[in-house]
């Protein structure tokens, strides 16, 4: 559905109801689309933290300094 901006201002409650029912509304100004009203999608199912706690192992040296040859490669000295 397309509606001009003046009509959209006067019919906002009705437009929101239509959008909530799944319809998309395009608001125009001088015949050109300027905005689109769409329903808000529900967030994805919340992820449960810690589900891979026993499947991943982080080494003891995870945050140890990198060897010079690797640091040089990052800095373009290789």
N, C-alpha and C. Protein backbone atom coordinates (compact mmCIF):
# COMPACT_ATOMS: atom_id res chain seq x y z
N UNK A 1 0.83 -1.17 0.00
CA UNK A 1 0.00 0.00 0.00
C UNK A 1 0.88 1.23 0.00
N UNK A 2 0.55 2.22 -0.80
CA UNK A 2 1.24 3.52 -0.80
C UNK A 2 0.30 4.59 -0.30
N UNK A 3 0.83 5.54 0.47
CA UNK A 3 0.03 6.64 1.00
C UNK A 3 0.92 7.87 1.07
N UNK A 4 0.35 9.04 0.77
CA UNK A 4 1.17 10.25 0.85
C UNK A 4 1.36 10.65 2.31
N UNK A 5 2.36 11.47 2.54
CA UNK A 5 2.77 11.78 3.91
C UNK A 5 1.68 12.50 4.69
N UNK A 6 0.92 13.37 4.04
CA UNK A 6 -0.16 14.08 4.74
C UNK A 6 -1.21 13.08 5.23
N UNK A 7 -1.64 12.19 4.35
CA UNK A 7 -2.64 11.19 4.74
C UNK A 7 -2.08 10.26 5.81
N UNK A 8 -0.81 9.95 5.72
CA UNK A 8 -0.19 9.07 6.72
C UNK A 8 -0.25 9.72 8.11
N UNK A 9 -0.01 11.03 8.16
CA UNK A 9 -0.06 11.72 9.46
C UNK A 9 -1.46 11.67 10.05
N UNK A 10 -2.45 11.79 9.22
CA UNK A 10 -3.82 11.82 9.75
C UNK A 10 -4.37 10.42 10.03
N UNK A 11 -3.76 9.39 9.48
CA UNK A 11 -4.27 8.02 9.62
C UNK A 11 -3.25 7.08 10.28
N UNK A 12 -2.34 7.63 11.05
CA UNK A 12 -1.25 6.82 11.59
C UNK A 12 -1.74 5.61 12.37
N UNK A 13 -2.72 5.76 13.22
CA UNK A 13 -3.21 4.63 14.02
C UNK A 13 -3.70 3.50 13.12
N UNK A 14 -4.44 3.84 12.09
CA UNK A 14 -4.95 2.82 11.16
C UNK A 14 -3.80 2.15 10.41
N UNK A 15 -2.81 2.94 10.02
CA UNK A 15 -1.67 2.37 9.29
C UNK A 15 -0.89 1.40 10.17
N UNK A 16 -0.68 1.78 11.42
CA UNK A 16 0.04 0.91 12.35
C UNK A 16 -0.73 -0.40 12.54
N UNK A 17 -2.03 -0.33 12.61
CA UNK A 17 -2.85 -1.54 12.75
C UNK A 17 -2.67 -2.44 11.53
N UNK A 18 -2.68 -1.85 10.34
CA UNK A 18 -2.52 -2.64 9.11
C UNK A 18 -1.14 -3.28 9.06
N UNK A 19 -0.12 -2.50 9.46
CA UNK A 19 1.24 -3.04 9.47
C UNK A 19 1.36 -4.17 10.47
N UNK A 20 0.74 -4.02 11.62
CA UNK A 20 0.77 -5.08 12.64
C UNK A 20 0.11 -6.36 12.11
N UNK A 21 -0.82 -6.21 11.18
CA UNK A 21 -1.47 -7.37 10.57
C UNK A 21 -0.65 -7.96 9.43
N UNK A 22 0.54 -7.39 9.18
CA UNK A 22 1.44 -7.96 8.18
C UNK A 22 1.55 -7.19 6.88
N UNK A 23 0.80 -6.12 6.74
CA UNK A 23 0.87 -5.33 5.50
C UNK A 23 2.05 -4.37 5.55
N UNK A 24 2.62 -4.07 4.40
CA UNK A 24 3.70 -3.10 4.29
C UNK A 24 3.10 -1.81 3.73
N UNK A 25 3.49 -0.67 4.32
CA UNK A 25 2.98 0.62 3.88
C UNK A 25 4.16 1.48 3.45
N UNK A 26 4.07 2.03 2.23
CA UNK A 26 5.11 2.93 1.71
C UNK A 26 4.55 4.34 1.78
N UNK A 27 5.29 5.22 2.42
CA UNK A 27 4.89 6.63 2.54
C UNK A 27 5.61 7.41 1.45
N UNK A 28 4.83 8.23 0.74
CA UNK A 28 5.40 8.99 -0.38
C UNK A 28 5.31 10.48 -0.11
N UNK A 29 6.19 11.22 -0.76
CA UNK A 29 6.15 12.68 -0.78
C UNK A 29 6.28 13.09 -2.24
N UNK A 30 5.32 13.83 -2.73
CA UNK A 30 5.29 14.23 -4.14
C UNK A 30 5.41 13.03 -5.07
N UNK A 31 4.78 11.93 -4.68
CA UNK A 31 4.76 10.73 -5.51
C UNK A 31 6.01 9.87 -5.43
N UNK A 32 7.00 10.28 -4.64
CA UNK A 32 8.24 9.52 -4.50
C UNK A 32 8.28 8.83 -3.14
N UNK A 33 8.61 7.54 -3.10
CA UNK A 33 8.70 6.83 -1.82
C UNK A 33 9.79 7.45 -0.93
N UNK A 34 9.45 7.70 0.33
CA UNK A 34 10.42 8.25 1.28
C UNK A 34 10.58 7.41 2.54
N UNK A 35 9.61 6.56 2.82
CA UNK A 35 9.69 5.73 4.03
C UNK A 35 8.83 4.49 3.84
N UNK A 36 9.13 3.49 4.67
CA UNK A 36 8.37 2.24 4.60
C UNK A 36 8.06 1.79 6.02
N UNK A 37 6.81 1.51 6.29
CA UNK A 37 6.41 0.95 7.57
C UNK A 37 6.29 -0.55 7.40
N UNK A 38 6.99 -1.28 8.24
CA UNK A 38 6.95 -2.74 8.19
C UNK A 38 6.80 -3.25 9.62
N UNK A 39 6.23 -4.44 9.79
CA UNK A 39 6.09 -4.97 11.14
C UNK A 39 7.45 -5.28 11.77
N UNK A 40 7.52 -5.12 13.06
CA UNK A 40 8.74 -5.45 13.79
C UNK A 40 8.81 -6.97 13.89
N UNK A 41 9.95 -7.51 13.54
CA UNK A 41 10.11 -8.96 13.63
C UNK A 41 10.53 -9.33 15.04
N UNK A 42 10.10 -10.48 15.47
CA UNK A 42 10.47 -10.95 16.79
C UNK A 42 11.94 -11.35 16.78
N UNK A 43 12.61 -11.11 17.88
CA UNK A 43 14.02 -11.48 17.99
C UNK A 43 14.16 -13.00 17.90
N UNK A 44 15.31 -13.41 17.42
CA UNK A 44 15.59 -14.84 17.34
C UNK A 44 15.58 -15.43 18.75
N UNK A 45 15.41 -16.70 18.83
CA UNK A 45 15.42 -17.39 20.12
C UNK A 45 16.73 -17.09 20.82
N UNK A 46 16.64 -16.72 22.06
CA UNK A 46 17.84 -16.40 22.83
C UNK A 46 18.76 -17.61 22.90
N UNK A 47 20.05 -17.35 22.69
CA UNK A 47 21.02 -18.44 22.76
C UNK A 47 21.34 -18.75 24.22
N UNK A 48 21.52 -20.01 24.50
CA UNK A 48 21.88 -20.43 25.84
C UNK A 48 23.40 -20.44 25.94
N UNK A 49 23.93 -19.64 26.84
CA UNK A 49 25.37 -19.55 27.01
C UNK A 49 25.91 -20.81 27.67
N UNK A 50 27.10 -21.19 27.26
CA UNK A 50 27.78 -22.32 27.88
C UNK A 50 27.47 -23.66 27.27
N UNK A 51 26.76 -23.70 26.15
CA UNK A 51 26.40 -25.00 25.58
C UNK A 51 27.60 -25.75 25.02
N UNK A 52 28.69 -25.05 24.70
CA UNK A 52 29.90 -25.70 24.19
C UNK A 52 31.03 -25.72 25.22
N UNK A 53 30.68 -25.54 26.47
CA UNK A 53 31.70 -25.43 27.51
C UNK A 53 32.65 -26.62 27.55
N UNK A 54 32.16 -27.81 27.26
CA UNK A 54 33.01 -28.99 27.32
C UNK A 54 33.54 -29.40 25.95
N UNK A 55 33.19 -28.68 24.92
CA UNK A 55 33.61 -29.05 23.56
C UNK A 55 34.80 -28.24 23.07
N UNK A 56 35.12 -27.15 23.75
CA UNK A 56 36.21 -26.28 23.30
C UNK A 56 37.26 -26.21 24.39
N UNK A 57 38.53 -26.29 23.96
CA UNK A 57 39.63 -26.18 24.91
C UNK A 57 40.51 -25.01 24.50
N UNK A 58 40.80 -24.15 25.44
CA UNK A 58 41.69 -23.02 25.20
C UNK A 58 43.01 -23.32 25.88
N UNK A 59 44.08 -23.25 25.11
CA UNK A 59 45.40 -23.59 25.63
C UNK A 59 45.86 -22.66 26.74
N UNK A 60 46.76 -23.16 27.56
CA UNK A 60 47.31 -22.37 28.67
C UNK A 60 48.05 -21.14 28.15
N UNK A 61 48.63 -21.24 26.95
CA UNK A 61 49.43 -20.14 26.41
C UNK A 61 48.60 -19.24 25.47
N UNK A 62 47.28 -19.26 25.60
CA UNK A 62 46.40 -18.52 24.69
C UNK A 62 46.79 -17.05 24.59
N UNK A 63 47.07 -16.42 25.71
CA UNK A 63 47.39 -14.99 25.68
C UNK A 63 48.88 -14.71 25.85
N UNK A 64 49.72 -15.70 25.58
CA UNK A 64 51.16 -15.51 25.64
C UNK A 64 51.61 -14.66 24.44
N UNK A 65 52.72 -13.94 24.57
CA UNK A 65 53.22 -13.13 23.46
C UNK A 65 53.52 -14.01 22.24
N UNK A 66 53.28 -13.46 21.06
CA UNK A 66 53.55 -14.19 19.82
C UNK A 66 55.05 -14.21 19.53
N UNK A 67 55.52 -15.24 18.84
CA UNK A 67 56.93 -15.27 18.44
C UNK A 67 57.22 -14.10 17.49
N UNK A 68 58.49 -13.67 17.48
CA UNK A 68 58.90 -12.52 16.67
C UNK A 68 58.57 -12.70 15.19
N UNK A 69 58.75 -13.92 14.64
CA UNK A 69 58.49 -14.12 13.21
C UNK A 69 57.02 -13.90 12.86
N UNK A 70 56.11 -14.23 13.76
CA UNK A 70 54.69 -13.99 13.50
C UNK A 70 54.36 -12.51 13.64
N UNK A 71 54.91 -11.87 14.66
CA UNK A 71 54.71 -10.43 14.82
C UNK A 71 55.23 -9.67 13.60
N UNK A 72 56.41 -10.09 13.09
CA UNK A 72 56.98 -9.45 11.91
C UNK A 72 56.05 -9.60 10.71
N UNK A 73 55.39 -10.75 10.57
CA UNK A 73 54.48 -10.97 9.45
C UNK A 73 53.29 -10.02 9.53
N UNK A 74 52.80 -9.76 10.71
CA UNK A 74 51.68 -8.82 10.88
C UNK A 74 52.11 -7.40 10.56
N UNK A 75 53.36 -7.07 10.86
CA UNK A 75 53.84 -5.71 10.66
C UNK A 75 54.45 -5.51 9.28
N UNK A 76 54.40 -6.55 8.44
CA UNK A 76 54.91 -6.42 7.09
C UNK A 76 56.42 -6.49 6.98
N UNK A 77 57.09 -7.06 7.95
CA UNK A 77 58.55 -7.16 7.95
C UNK A 77 59.03 -8.50 7.41
N UNK A 78 58.12 -9.37 7.08
CA UNK A 78 58.52 -10.73 6.64
C UNK A 78 59.03 -10.73 5.24
